[in-house]
N, C-alpha and C. Protein backbone atom coordinates (compact mmCIF):
# COMPACT_ATOMS: atom_id res chain seq x y z
N MET A 1 0.55 -1.24 -0.03
CA MET A 1 0.64 -0.12 -0.02
C MET A 1 0.63 1.59 -0.20
N ILE A 2 0.66 1.84 -1.00
CA ILE A 2 0.96 3.78 -0.92
C ILE A 2 0.53 5.04 -0.15
N LYS A 3 0.80 5.58 0.47
CA LYS A 3 0.59 6.21 1.02
C LYS A 3 1.26 8.09 1.54
N GLU A 4 0.84 8.51 0.79
CA GLU A 4 1.90 9.92 0.62
C GLU A 4 1.57 10.70 1.72
N SER A 5 2.75 11.35 2.05
CA SER A 5 2.72 12.05 3.66
C SER A 5 2.48 13.72 2.83
N LYS A 6 1.99 14.63 4.10
CA LYS A 6 1.12 15.84 3.91
C LYS A 6 2.25 16.70 4.14
N LEU A 7 3.58 16.32 4.97
CA LEU A 7 5.03 17.69 5.36
C LEU A 7 5.97 17.90 4.02
N SER A 8 5.78 19.27 4.79
CA SER A 8 6.99 19.72 3.58
C SER A 8 8.49 19.53 4.06
N ALA A 9 8.80 18.75 2.98
CA ALA A 9 10.40 19.39 3.11
C ALA A 9 10.97 20.25 3.60
N ASP A 10 10.62 21.09 3.12
CA ASP A 10 10.56 23.23 3.33
C ASP A 10 10.62 23.31 4.58
N ALA A 11 9.73 22.32 5.61
CA ALA A 11 9.67 22.69 7.12
C ALA A 11 10.24 21.95 8.27
N ALA A 12 10.85 20.66 7.11
CA ALA A 12 12.05 20.21 7.86
C ALA A 12 12.78 20.82 8.90
N VAL A 13 13.20 20.19 10.04
CA VAL A 13 13.73 21.45 10.99
C VAL A 13 14.62 20.53 11.27
N TYR A 14 15.29 19.90 10.25
CA TYR A 14 16.85 18.69 10.70
C TYR A 14 16.77 18.28 8.72
N ARG A 15 18.28 18.43 8.36
CA ARG A 15 18.21 17.16 7.32
C ARG A 15 20.02 16.80 7.11
N GLU A 16 20.02 16.16 6.31
CA GLU A 16 21.09 15.69 6.34
C GLU A 16 21.58 13.90 5.38
N THR A 17 22.32 14.68 4.56
CA THR A 17 22.43 13.40 2.99
C THR A 17 23.39 12.27 3.93
N VAL A 18 23.50 11.28 3.56
CA VAL A 18 24.16 10.20 4.54
C VAL A 18 24.43 9.33 3.53
N PRO A 19 25.67 9.54 2.70
CA PRO A 19 26.96 8.63 2.09
C PRO A 19 26.78 7.01 1.74
N ALA A 20 26.79 7.32 0.63
CA ALA A 20 27.03 5.29 0.15
C ALA A 20 27.95 5.24 1.21
N GLY A 21 27.93 4.05 1.70
CA GLY A 21 28.46 3.78 3.38
C GLY A 21 28.30 3.21 4.23
N GLY A 22 28.11 5.12 4.40
CA GLY A 22 27.87 6.17 5.89
C GLY A 22 27.28 5.68 6.25
N TYR A 23 26.77 6.39 8.13
CA TYR A 23 26.20 5.49 9.27
C TYR A 23 25.25 7.07 9.36
N TRP A 24 24.02 6.88 10.50
CA TRP A 24 23.72 7.84 11.10
C TRP A 24 22.76 7.75 12.08
N MET A 25 23.30 7.97 12.89
CA MET A 25 22.88 8.24 14.53
C MET A 25 22.53 9.66 15.54
N HIS A 26 21.02 9.11 15.73
CA HIS A 26 20.71 10.48 16.00
C HIS A 26 19.47 10.05 17.20
N VAL A 27 18.81 10.64 17.67
CA VAL A 27 17.59 10.51 18.66
C VAL A 27 16.68 11.28 18.27
N VAL A 28 15.25 10.79 17.97
CA VAL A 28 14.03 11.59 17.08
C VAL A 28 13.59 11.64 18.45
N ARG A 29 12.81 11.93 19.22
CA ARG A 29 12.15 13.03 20.22
C ARG A 29 10.71 12.46 20.14
N ARG A 30 9.66 11.84 20.46
CA ARG A 30 8.63 10.98 20.86
C ARG A 30 7.83 12.35 20.26
N GLY A 31 6.72 12.06 19.11
CA GLY A 31 6.38 12.60 18.45
C GLY A 31 6.46 13.17 17.39
N GLU A 32 8.15 13.30 17.51
CA GLU A 32 8.60 13.90 15.86
C GLU A 32 8.61 12.66 15.09
N THR A 33 9.02 12.86 13.90
CA THR A 33 8.58 12.28 12.32
C THR A 33 9.94 12.12 11.71
N LEU A 34 10.24 10.93 11.31
CA LEU A 34 11.68 10.41 10.74
C LEU A 34 11.23 10.11 8.95
N ARG A 35 11.83 11.07 8.20
CA ARG A 35 11.95 10.43 6.87
C ARG A 35 13.15 9.89 6.62
N ILE A 36 13.22 8.56 6.06
CA ILE A 36 14.30 8.44 5.40
C ILE A 36 13.95 8.21 3.52
N LEU A 37 14.38 8.90 3.28
CA LEU A 37 15.14 8.90 1.42
C LEU A 37 16.27 9.00 0.34
N ASP A 38 14.93 7.52 -0.68
CA ASP A 38 16.16 6.90 -1.51
C ASP A 38 15.80 8.06 -2.00
N LEU A 39 17.33 8.60 -2.89
CA LEU A 39 17.26 10.18 -3.19
C LEU A 39 18.09 9.30 -5.00
N GLU A 40 18.32 8.40 -5.30
CA GLU A 40 18.98 8.01 -6.42
C GLU A 40 17.86 6.65 -6.43
N GLY A 41 17.60 6.11 -6.01
CA GLY A 41 16.48 4.94 -5.51
C GLY A 41 17.77 2.96 -6.03
N ASN A 42 17.18 2.34 -5.46
CA ASN A 42 16.78 0.64 -5.33
C ASN A 42 18.39 0.96 -4.09
N GLN A 43 18.14 1.85 -3.11
CA GLN A 43 18.91 1.75 -2.27
C GLN A 43 18.34 1.27 -0.68
N ALA A 44 19.19 0.66 -0.40
CA ALA A 44 18.82 -0.19 1.19
C ALA A 44 19.55 0.98 2.95
N ALA A 45 18.52 0.66 3.17
CA ALA A 45 18.45 1.57 4.77
C ALA A 45 18.84 0.39 5.93
N ASP A 46 19.81 0.07 6.41
CA ASP A 46 19.80 -1.39 7.04
C ASP A 46 19.74 -0.21 8.62
N THR A 47 18.36 -0.49 9.38
CA THR A 47 18.03 -0.10 10.78
C THR A 47 17.70 -0.09 11.47
N LEU A 48 18.36 0.27 12.56
CA LEU A 48 18.29 -0.39 14.40
C LEU A 48 17.71 1.05 15.22
N PHE A 49 16.29 0.41 16.06
CA PHE A 49 15.95 1.18 16.85
C PHE A 49 16.59 0.79 18.33
N PHE A 50 16.22 1.95 19.59
CA PHE A 50 16.83 1.64 20.61
C PHE A 50 15.68 2.62 21.83
N ASN A 51 15.23 2.50 22.23
CA ASN A 51 14.75 3.56 23.61
C ASN A 51 15.73 4.04 24.00
N ALA A 52 16.01 5.82 23.30
CA ALA A 52 17.47 6.41 23.82
C ALA A 52 16.76 6.60 25.43
N ASP A 53 15.75 6.21 26.05
CA ASP A 53 15.61 6.74 27.32
C ASP A 53 15.95 5.35 28.45
N ASP A 54 16.20 3.68 28.07
CA ASP A 54 16.71 2.60 28.50
C ASP A 54 16.90 1.97 27.28
N PRO A 55 18.53 2.60 26.71
CA PRO A 55 18.44 1.66 25.49
C PRO A 55 18.67 -0.06 25.28
N HIS A 56 18.98 -0.28 26.81
CA HIS A 56 18.91 -1.98 26.29
C HIS A 56 16.99 -2.19 26.27
N GLU A 57 16.46 -0.87 25.72
CA GLU A 57 14.49 -2.21 25.01
C GLU A 57 15.17 -1.39 23.14
N ARG A 58 14.69 -2.45 22.66
CA ARG A 58 15.81 -2.41 20.95
C ARG A 58 14.44 -2.87 20.14
N TYR A 59 13.93 -2.43 19.67
CA TYR A 59 13.40 -2.59 17.36
C TYR A 59 13.30 -4.57 18.38
N SER A 60 12.48 -5.80 17.49
CA SER A 60 12.40 -6.40 18.11
C SER A 60 11.62 -7.29 16.58
N ALA A 61 12.49 -8.23 16.33
CA ALA A 61 11.87 -8.34 14.78
C ALA A 61 10.47 -9.53 15.16
N SER A 62 10.84 -10.51 15.67
CA SER A 62 9.69 -11.14 15.61
C SER A 62 8.34 -10.76 16.81
N ASP A 63 8.31 -9.72 17.94
CA ASP A 63 7.16 -8.70 18.41
C ASP A 63 6.58 -7.65 16.99
N THR A 64 7.80 -6.80 15.98
CA THR A 64 6.87 -7.12 15.02
C THR A 64 6.11 -7.65 14.29
N ILE A 65 6.59 -8.33 13.63
CA ILE A 65 6.00 -9.27 12.75
C ILE A 65 4.70 -9.92 13.37
N ARG A 66 4.95 -10.53 14.69
CA ARG A 66 3.85 -11.60 15.09
C ARG A 66 2.52 -10.43 15.49
N GLU A 67 2.73 -9.17 16.36
CA GLU A 67 1.79 -8.48 16.03
C GLU A 67 1.21 -7.69 14.48
N HIS A 68 2.32 -7.47 14.15
CA HIS A 68 1.82 -6.81 12.04
C HIS A 68 1.02 -7.80 11.37
N GLY A 69 0.92 -9.20 11.81
CA GLY A 69 0.78 -10.37 11.00
C GLY A 69 1.56 -10.62 9.30
N ASN A 70 2.58 -9.68 9.39
CA ASN A 70 3.02 -9.62 8.37
C ASN A 70 4.74 -9.63 8.25
N VAL A 71 5.51 -9.94 6.72
CA VAL A 71 7.09 -10.12 7.44
C VAL A 71 7.28 -9.18 6.55
N TYR A 72 6.79 -8.49 5.83
CA TYR A 72 6.86 -6.76 5.34
C TYR A 72 6.11 -5.35 5.75
N LEU A 73 6.91 -4.50 6.21
CA LEU A 73 6.22 -3.01 6.63
C LEU A 73 5.72 -2.15 5.73
N GLY A 74 4.48 -1.32 5.73
CA GLY A 74 4.89 -0.14 5.26
C GLY A 74 3.50 0.55 5.96
N PRO A 75 2.62 1.43 5.63
CA PRO A 75 2.32 1.97 6.10
C PRO A 75 1.47 1.66 6.89
N GLY A 76 1.33 1.87 8.09
CA GLY A 76 0.77 1.78 9.52
C GLY A 76 1.48 0.96 10.86
N SER A 77 2.32 0.18 9.84
CA SER A 77 2.70 -0.76 10.61
C SER A 77 3.68 -0.19 11.88
N VAL A 78 3.50 -0.63 13.22
CA VAL A 78 3.96 -0.30 14.28
C VAL A 78 5.62 -1.27 14.96
N LEU A 79 6.37 -0.86 14.47
CA LEU A 79 7.40 -1.05 14.96
C LEU A 79 7.83 -1.15 16.30
N ARG A 80 8.35 -2.97 16.99
CA ARG A 80 7.99 -2.74 18.46
C ARG A 80 9.64 -3.62 18.87
N SER A 81 9.63 -2.72 20.23
CA SER A 81 10.53 -3.36 21.12
C SER A 81 10.58 -4.64 21.65
N ASP A 82 11.57 -4.91 22.31
CA ASP A 82 11.53 -6.31 22.65
C ASP A 82 11.13 -6.93 24.34
N LEU A 83 10.00 -5.76 24.57
CA LEU A 83 9.09 -5.58 25.47
C LEU A 83 7.82 -5.35 25.00
N CYS A 84 8.12 -5.58 23.59
CA CYS A 84 6.34 -5.36 22.17
C CYS A 84 5.67 -3.83 23.10
N ARG A 85 6.54 -2.84 22.65
CA ARG A 85 5.93 -1.33 23.21
C ARG A 85 6.16 -0.66 21.56
N PRO A 86 5.82 -0.08 21.75
CA PRO A 86 5.58 1.07 20.57
C PRO A 86 7.25 1.97 20.46
N LEU A 87 7.71 1.75 19.18
CA LEU A 87 9.47 2.72 18.78
C LEU A 87 8.02 3.61 18.16
N MET A 88 8.03 2.89 17.13
CA MET A 88 7.88 3.73 15.80
C MET A 88 6.71 3.77 15.35
N THR A 89 5.90 4.36 14.30
CA THR A 89 4.78 4.19 13.62
C THR A 89 4.51 4.65 11.89
N ILE A 90 4.83 3.67 11.28
CA ILE A 90 5.09 4.17 9.73
C ILE A 90 4.07 4.43 9.23
N THR A 91 3.61 5.98 9.15
CA THR A 91 2.72 6.85 8.70
C THR A 91 2.66 7.26 7.14
N ALA A 92 4.30 7.35 6.36
CA ALA A 92 3.68 7.25 5.66
C ALA A 92 5.19 7.11 4.44
N ASP A 93 4.44 6.45 3.14
CA ASP A 93 5.32 5.63 2.44
C ASP A 93 5.18 5.22 0.76
N THR A 94 6.00 5.85 0.52
CA THR A 94 5.54 5.36 -1.08
C THR A 94 6.21 4.58 -1.58
N VAL A 95 6.83 3.28 -0.94
CA VAL A 95 7.35 2.06 -1.64
C VAL A 95 6.42 1.33 -1.30
N GLY A 96 6.06 0.81 -0.21
CA GLY A 96 5.13 0.24 0.12
C GLY A 96 5.54 -1.11 0.70
N ARG A 97 6.86 -1.78 0.50
CA ARG A 97 7.18 -3.00 1.63
C ARG A 97 8.98 -2.94 1.81
N HIS A 98 8.11 -3.28 3.22
CA HIS A 98 10.28 -3.10 3.19
C HIS A 98 10.73 -3.98 4.23
N ASP A 99 11.74 -5.13 4.33
CA ASP A 99 11.92 -6.18 4.91
C ASP A 99 13.09 -6.16 6.21
N THR A 100 12.18 -7.01 7.22
CA THR A 100 12.07 -6.98 8.11
C THR A 100 13.14 -8.30 8.62
N LEU A 101 13.46 -8.96 7.22
CA LEU A 101 14.52 -10.81 7.30
C LEU A 101 15.55 -11.00 7.05
N GLY A 102 16.24 -9.90 5.96
CA GLY A 102 17.27 -10.31 5.72
C GLY A 102 18.86 -9.74 6.15
N GLY A 103 18.59 -9.40 7.39
CA GLY A 103 19.44 -8.85 8.51
C GLY A 103 20.53 -7.86 7.73
N ALA A 104 21.64 -7.70 8.54
CA ALA A 104 22.61 -6.45 8.21
C ALA A 104 23.43 -7.31 7.47
N CYS A 105 24.63 -7.15 6.25
CA CYS A 105 25.20 -7.63 5.54
C CYS A 105 26.82 -7.45 6.24
N ALA A 106 27.87 -8.31 6.96
CA ALA A 106 29.38 -8.32 7.36
C ALA A 106 30.21 -8.92 6.50
N THR A 107 31.30 -8.77 7.26
CA THR A 107 32.14 -9.55 5.94
C THR A 107 32.47 -11.15 6.51
N GLU A 108 31.53 -11.91 7.34
CA GLU A 108 31.35 -12.93 6.98
C GLU A 108 30.77 -14.04 6.52
N SER A 109 29.09 -13.06 6.30
CA SER A 109 28.85 -13.45 5.53
C SER A 109 28.79 -13.06 3.57
N ASN A 110 29.46 -11.70 3.69
CA ASN A 110 29.98 -11.83 2.45
C ASN A 110 30.79 -12.76 1.94
N THR A 111 31.30 -13.17 3.07
CA THR A 111 32.83 -15.05 2.21
C THR A 111 31.49 -15.58 2.67
N VAL A 112 30.14 -16.07 3.46
CA VAL A 112 29.60 -17.47 2.98
C VAL A 112 28.91 -17.40 1.84
N ARG A 113 28.40 -16.03 1.65
CA ARG A 113 27.83 -15.71 0.58
C ARG A 113 27.95 -15.99 -1.38
N TYR A 114 29.26 -15.00 -1.20
CA TYR A 114 30.26 -14.63 -2.10
C TYR A 114 31.16 -15.40 -2.65
N ALA A 115 32.39 -15.03 -1.91
CA ALA A 115 33.50 -14.96 -2.24
C ALA A 115 34.37 -14.85 -0.68
N LEU A 116 35.49 -15.74 -0.52
CA LEU A 116 36.18 -16.15 0.30
C LEU A 116 37.38 -13.67 0.81
N GLU A 117 37.16 -13.67 -1.18
CA GLU A 117 38.09 -12.36 -1.36
C GLU A 117 37.08 -11.28 -0.96
N LYS A 118 35.77 -11.75 -1.13
CA LYS A 118 34.70 -10.51 -0.22
C LYS A 118 34.96 -10.11 0.60
N LYS A 119 35.16 -10.93 1.93
CA LYS A 119 35.51 -10.82 3.62
C LYS A 119 36.41 -9.68 3.52
N SER A 120 37.06 -9.21 2.82
CA SER A 120 37.30 -7.33 3.48
C SER A 120 36.52 -5.88 3.11
N MET A 121 35.65 -6.63 1.84
CA MET A 121 34.50 -5.02 1.92
C MET A 121 33.71 -5.05 2.96
N HIS A 122 33.53 -3.42 3.41
CA HIS A 122 33.24 -2.71 3.73
C HIS A 122 31.61 -3.08 3.66
N ALA A 123 30.78 -3.09 5.15
CA ALA A 123 29.82 -3.88 5.11
C ALA A 123 29.26 -2.82 5.98
N CYS A 124 27.94 -3.87 5.95
CA CYS A 124 26.79 -2.57 7.84
C CYS A 124 27.06 -3.02 8.85
N ARG A 125 27.28 -4.20 9.49
CA ARG A 125 28.23 -4.69 10.83
C ARG A 125 29.31 -3.41 11.00
N ASP A 126 30.27 -3.14 9.97
CA ASP A 126 31.39 -2.40 10.26
C ASP A 126 30.58 -0.73 10.49
N SER A 127 29.82 -0.63 9.91
CA SER A 127 28.91 0.85 10.03
C SER A 127 28.97 0.54 11.36
N TYR A 128 28.15 -0.52 11.46
CA TYR A 128 27.18 -0.40 12.95
C TYR A 128 28.79 -0.65 14.38
N LEU A 129 29.29 -0.50 13.64
CA LEU A 129 30.73 -0.81 15.39
C LEU A 129 30.81 0.17 15.09
N LEU A 130 31.63 1.09 13.69
CA LEU A 130 32.28 2.07 14.25
C LEU A 130 31.20 3.97 14.65
N ALA A 131 30.03 3.56 14.87
CA ALA A 131 28.97 3.97 15.39
C ALA A 131 28.71 4.02 16.75
N VAL A 132 29.08 3.14 17.27
CA VAL A 132 28.55 2.61 18.82
C VAL A 132 30.41 3.48 19.15
N VAL A 133 30.71 3.18 18.59
CA VAL A 133 32.40 3.46 19.25
C VAL A 133 32.20 4.90 18.96
N GLU A 134 32.10 5.70 18.30
CA GLU A 134 32.09 6.69 18.28
C GLU A 134 30.87 7.37 18.42
N ASN A 135 29.75 7.14 18.95
CA ASN A 135 28.86 7.72 20.18
C ASN A 135 28.75 7.00 21.35
N GLU A 136 29.37 7.17 21.95
CA GLU A 136 29.92 6.72 23.56
C GLU A 136 28.38 6.85 23.98
N GLN A 137 28.30 7.98 23.95
CA GLN A 137 27.16 8.70 24.87
C GLN A 137 26.19 8.51 24.46
N TYR A 138 25.32 7.30 24.17
CA TYR A 138 24.27 6.21 23.51
C TYR A 138 24.41 5.06 24.51
N GLY A 139 25.36 5.39 25.26
CA GLY A 139 25.78 4.16 25.77
C GLY A 139 25.64 2.64 25.44
N LEU A 140 25.74 2.51 24.29
CA LEU A 140 25.48 1.28 23.02
C LEU A 140 26.95 0.08 23.48
N THR A 141 26.57 -1.36 22.83
CA THR A 141 28.26 -1.55 22.48
C THR A 141 27.83 -2.65 21.17
N LYS A 142 29.55 -3.50 20.67
CA LYS A 142 27.91 -3.53 19.82
C LYS A 142 27.61 -5.32 20.15
N ARG A 143 27.48 -5.56 21.41
CA ARG A 143 26.59 -6.13 22.04
C ARG A 143 24.71 -6.20 21.73
N ASP A 144 25.08 -4.96 21.62
CA ASP A 144 23.72 -4.41 21.18
C ASP A 144 22.96 -4.25 19.53
N ILE A 145 23.93 -4.55 18.32
CA ILE A 145 24.14 -4.47 17.44
C ILE A 145 22.74 -5.60 17.52
N ALA A 146 21.80 -5.74 16.95
CA ALA A 146 20.52 -7.12 17.56
C ALA A 146 20.00 -6.98 15.34
N HIS A 147 19.02 -7.46 15.37
CA HIS A 147 18.26 -7.82 14.21
C HIS A 147 17.65 -6.55 13.87
N ASN A 148 17.83 -4.96 12.37
CA ASN A 148 17.63 -4.90 11.98
C ASN A 148 16.21 -4.64 10.63
N ILE A 149 16.06 -3.84 10.80
CA ILE A 149 14.85 -3.57 9.48
C ILE A 149 15.75 -3.23 8.15
N ASN A 150 15.70 -3.47 7.36
CA ASN A 150 16.41 -3.16 6.24
C ASN A 150 15.12 -2.29 5.04
N PHE A 151 14.72 -0.79 5.07
CA PHE A 151 14.16 0.11 4.24
C PHE A 151 14.52 0.06 3.08
N PHE A 152 13.80 -0.31 2.06
CA PHE A 152 13.76 -0.07 0.84
C PHE A 152 14.27 -1.06 -0.28
N MET A 153 14.34 -2.39 1.20
CA MET A 153 15.25 -3.42 0.31
C MET A 153 14.35 -5.34 0.18
N ASN A 154 14.47 -5.30 -1.21
CA ASN A 154 13.43 -6.63 -1.55
C ASN A 154 14.35 -7.75 -1.46
N VAL A 155 13.09 -8.25 -0.06
CA VAL A 155 13.80 -9.48 -0.57
C VAL A 155 12.35 -11.07 0.12
N PRO A 156 12.27 -11.35 -0.86
CA PRO A 156 10.91 -12.03 -1.19
C PRO A 156 11.57 -13.45 -0.77
N VAL A 157 10.44 -13.84 -0.21
CA VAL A 157 10.92 -15.39 0.69
C VAL A 157 9.78 -16.32 -0.41
N THR A 158 10.45 -17.22 -0.63
CA THR A 158 10.61 -18.23 -1.49
C THR A 158 9.32 -19.29 -1.10
N PRO A 159 8.87 -20.32 -2.35
CA PRO A 159 7.45 -21.01 -1.62
C PRO A 159 7.97 -21.61 -0.71
N ASP A 160 9.48 -22.14 -0.50
CA ASP A 160 9.89 -23.68 -0.12
C ASP A 160 10.19 -22.47 1.80
N GLY A 161 10.17 -21.34 1.96
CA GLY A 161 10.43 -20.95 2.74
C GLY A 161 11.41 -20.29 3.29
N GLY A 162 12.31 -20.55 1.43
CA GLY A 162 13.81 -19.56 2.21
C GLY A 162 13.62 -18.05 1.13
N LEU A 163 14.85 -17.18 1.61
CA LEU A 163 14.77 -16.01 1.02
C LEU A 163 15.91 -15.78 -0.10
N THR A 164 15.33 -14.72 -0.49
CA THR A 164 16.41 -14.18 -1.72
C THR A 164 16.71 -12.62 -2.24
N PHE A 165 17.27 -12.22 -2.78
CA PHE A 165 17.87 -11.26 -2.97
C PHE A 165 17.81 -10.75 -4.03
N ALA A 166 16.72 -9.43 -4.31
CA ALA A 166 16.03 -9.29 -5.87
C ALA A 166 15.96 -7.73 -6.11
N ASP A 167 15.83 -7.05 -7.43
CA ASP A 167 15.92 -5.82 -7.39
C ASP A 167 14.87 -5.06 -6.65
N GLY A 168 15.50 -4.61 -6.30
CA GLY A 168 14.94 -3.39 -5.53
C GLY A 168 13.45 -3.04 -5.93
N VAL A 169 12.49 -2.67 -4.97
CA VAL A 169 11.55 -1.86 -5.28
C VAL A 169 11.13 -0.25 -5.37
N SER A 170 12.55 0.41 -5.07
CA SER A 170 11.89 1.98 -4.61
C SER A 170 12.55 2.20 -5.86
N GLY A 171 12.67 3.50 -5.95
CA GLY A 171 13.32 4.82 -6.61
C GLY A 171 13.70 5.69 -6.07
N PRO A 172 14.30 6.63 -6.92
CA PRO A 172 14.29 8.28 -6.87
C PRO A 172 13.56 9.20 -6.09
N GLY A 173 13.67 9.75 -5.21
CA GLY A 173 12.41 10.77 -4.89
C GLY A 173 12.08 9.53 -3.60
N LYS A 174 12.13 7.39 -3.49
CA LYS A 174 10.63 7.24 -2.55
C LYS A 174 11.29 7.13 -1.34
N TYR A 175 10.14 7.83 -0.29
CA TYR A 175 11.09 7.58 1.16
C TYR A 175 9.43 6.91 2.61
N VAL A 176 10.18 6.73 3.24
CA VAL A 176 9.53 5.99 4.12
C VAL A 176 9.40 6.75 5.08
N GLU A 177 8.33 7.42 6.01
CA GLU A 177 8.42 8.61 7.16
C GLU A 177 7.27 7.65 8.41
N MET A 178 8.04 8.13 9.48
CA MET A 178 7.66 6.97 10.95
C MET A 178 7.26 8.46 12.20
N ARG A 179 6.63 8.29 12.53
CA ARG A 179 6.64 8.78 14.33
C ARG A 179 7.22 8.08 15.10
N ALA A 180 7.88 8.47 16.04
CA ALA A 180 8.02 8.90 17.24
C ALA A 180 7.09 8.24 18.12
N GLU A 181 7.48 7.43 18.65
CA GLU A 181 5.99 7.32 19.75
C GLU A 181 6.84 6.72 21.16
N MET A 182 7.92 6.90 21.22
CA MET A 182 9.67 7.31 22.70
C MET A 182 10.11 7.63 22.04
N ASN A 183 11.20 8.01 23.26
CA ASN A 183 12.42 8.75 22.62
C ASN A 183 12.91 7.80 21.67
N VAL A 184 13.46 7.61 21.13
CA VAL A 184 13.84 6.51 19.72
C VAL A 184 15.68 6.93 19.52
N ILE A 185 16.92 6.06 19.76
CA ILE A 185 18.08 6.34 19.10
C ILE A 185 17.71 5.29 17.36
N VAL A 186 18.22 6.04 16.74
CA VAL A 186 18.35 5.88 15.37
C VAL A 186 19.55 5.83 14.68
N LEU A 187 19.60 4.28 14.51
CA LEU A 187 21.32 4.08 13.63
C LEU A 187 20.77 3.39 12.33
N ILE A 188 21.78 4.17 11.85
CA ILE A 188 20.95 3.46 10.29
C ILE A 188 22.77 4.08 9.55
N SER A 189 22.10 2.15 8.70
CA SER A 189 23.93 1.95 7.70
C SER A 189 22.76 2.35 6.45
N ASN A 190 23.69 3.46 5.69
CA ASN A 190 23.61 3.16 4.38
C ASN A 190 24.57 1.86 3.02
N CYS A 191 23.86 0.67 3.53
CA CYS A 191 23.62 -0.11 2.78
C CYS A 191 25.15 -0.32 2.01
N PRO A 192 26.83 -0.26 2.27
CA PRO A 192 27.21 -0.65 0.54
C PRO A 192 27.77 -1.89 0.66
N GLN A 193 27.11 -2.33 -0.08
CA GLN A 193 26.32 -4.18 -0.29
C GLN A 193 26.42 -3.86 -2.07
N LEU A 194 27.68 -4.33 -2.64
CA LEU A 194 28.13 -4.47 -4.04
C LEU A 194 27.80 -5.75 -4.83
N ASN A 195 27.15 -6.68 -3.78
CA ASN A 195 27.17 -8.34 -4.41
C ASN A 195 25.90 -8.48 -4.24
N ASN A 196 24.96 -7.88 -4.31
CA ASN A 196 23.54 -8.91 -4.89
C ASN A 196 23.09 -6.84 -5.53
N PRO A 197 21.89 -7.50 -5.97
CA PRO A 197 21.12 -6.45 -6.33
C PRO A 197 20.22 -5.29 -5.57
N CYS A 198 20.33 -5.88 -4.18
CA CYS A 198 19.60 -4.93 -3.27
C CYS A 198 19.66 -3.83 -3.52
N ASN A 199 21.14 -2.71 -3.49
CA ASN A 199 21.85 -1.69 -4.49
C ASN A 199 21.46 -1.68 -5.53
N ALA A 200 20.90 -1.96 -6.21
CA ALA A 200 21.50 -2.49 -7.68
C ALA A 200 23.06 -2.19 -8.29
N TYR A 201 23.80 -3.34 -7.19
CA TYR A 201 24.71 -3.42 -7.21
C TYR A 201 25.79 -2.36 -7.43
N ASN A 202 25.07 -1.14 -6.64
CA ASN A 202 25.79 0.47 -6.36
C ASN A 202 24.92 1.85 -5.75
N PRO A 203 25.64 1.33 -4.27
CA PRO A 203 24.64 1.69 -3.35
C PRO A 203 24.92 3.60 -3.67
N THR A 204 24.17 4.10 -2.97
CA THR A 204 24.24 5.38 -3.26
C THR A 204 23.19 6.68 -2.29
N PRO A 205 24.10 7.98 -2.02
CA PRO A 205 23.32 7.51 -0.81
C PRO A 205 21.83 8.78 -0.67
N ILE A 206 21.63 8.68 0.55
CA ILE A 206 19.73 8.93 1.39
C ILE A 206 19.68 10.32 2.41
N GLU A 207 18.98 10.39 1.79
CA GLU A 207 18.50 11.82 2.56
C GLU A 207 17.76 11.33 4.28
N VAL A 208 18.12 11.61 5.51
CA VAL A 208 17.06 12.19 6.10
C VAL A 208 16.97 12.93 6.86
N LEU A 209 15.38 13.80 7.17
CA LEU A 209 14.71 14.41 7.93
C LEU A 209 13.74 14.10 8.45
N ILE A 210 13.55 15.00 9.73
CA ILE A 210 13.06 15.50 11.06
C ILE A 210 12.14 16.46 11.06
N TRP A 211 10.73 16.39 11.41
CA TRP A 211 9.68 17.27 11.53
C TRP A 211 9.70 17.49 13.16
N PRO A 212 8.85 18.28 13.55
CA PRO A 212 9.01 18.64 15.02
C PRO A 212 7.02 17.94 15.31
N GLU A 213 6.76 17.87 16.57
CA GLU A 213 5.37 16.70 16.87
C GLU A 213 4.58 18.30 16.80
N GLY A 214 3.96 18.27 15.52
CA GLY A 214 2.30 19.11 15.38
C GLY A 214 2.75 19.23 14.37
N ALA A 215 3.78 19.25 13.33
CA ALA A 215 4.02 19.46 12.52
C ALA A 215 2.82 19.48 10.95
């Protein structure tokens, strides 16, 4: 399902471009709206969420999928924590489907999926590790890097229950918007993956925007 936003980019109180392979880490306050914008299309934004007031509470794929009744996210989906509390609610979405199952790429998975010589290639887990080291004020460590959401990424479920990586379903200017239901640390790895079609084999920048409550 597609749902357009009524928010104007000119009214955003925060805007930042995240380069391909870079990360973005920021607190989105309760009531604020976050937009992740796919600038050039077919990019994957691997995203983690934590309760900013108690980072031990974090996004839970299992609770979100169970309560939502679907492995794909779209307008109206509530992203839930491991205490089954709402973290974020998707309020607008021009893509209509986002992956909860594929996880983040890592040097180890690059080796297993592709080839031994791919191990040295930059991966999302590297970006996550760099983010927690460079942002000690959030109180996170590598042990807090759990399952993530892959916004814009297309990971079909096969008839026998397996997963495949397919061409993205996003395009230039597509976006997803979420309202924070509590103070949330958002950590995005703008995926550097070059080995599968999730980024059209060409990682590109994304943009993040924030609007205040009531905008």
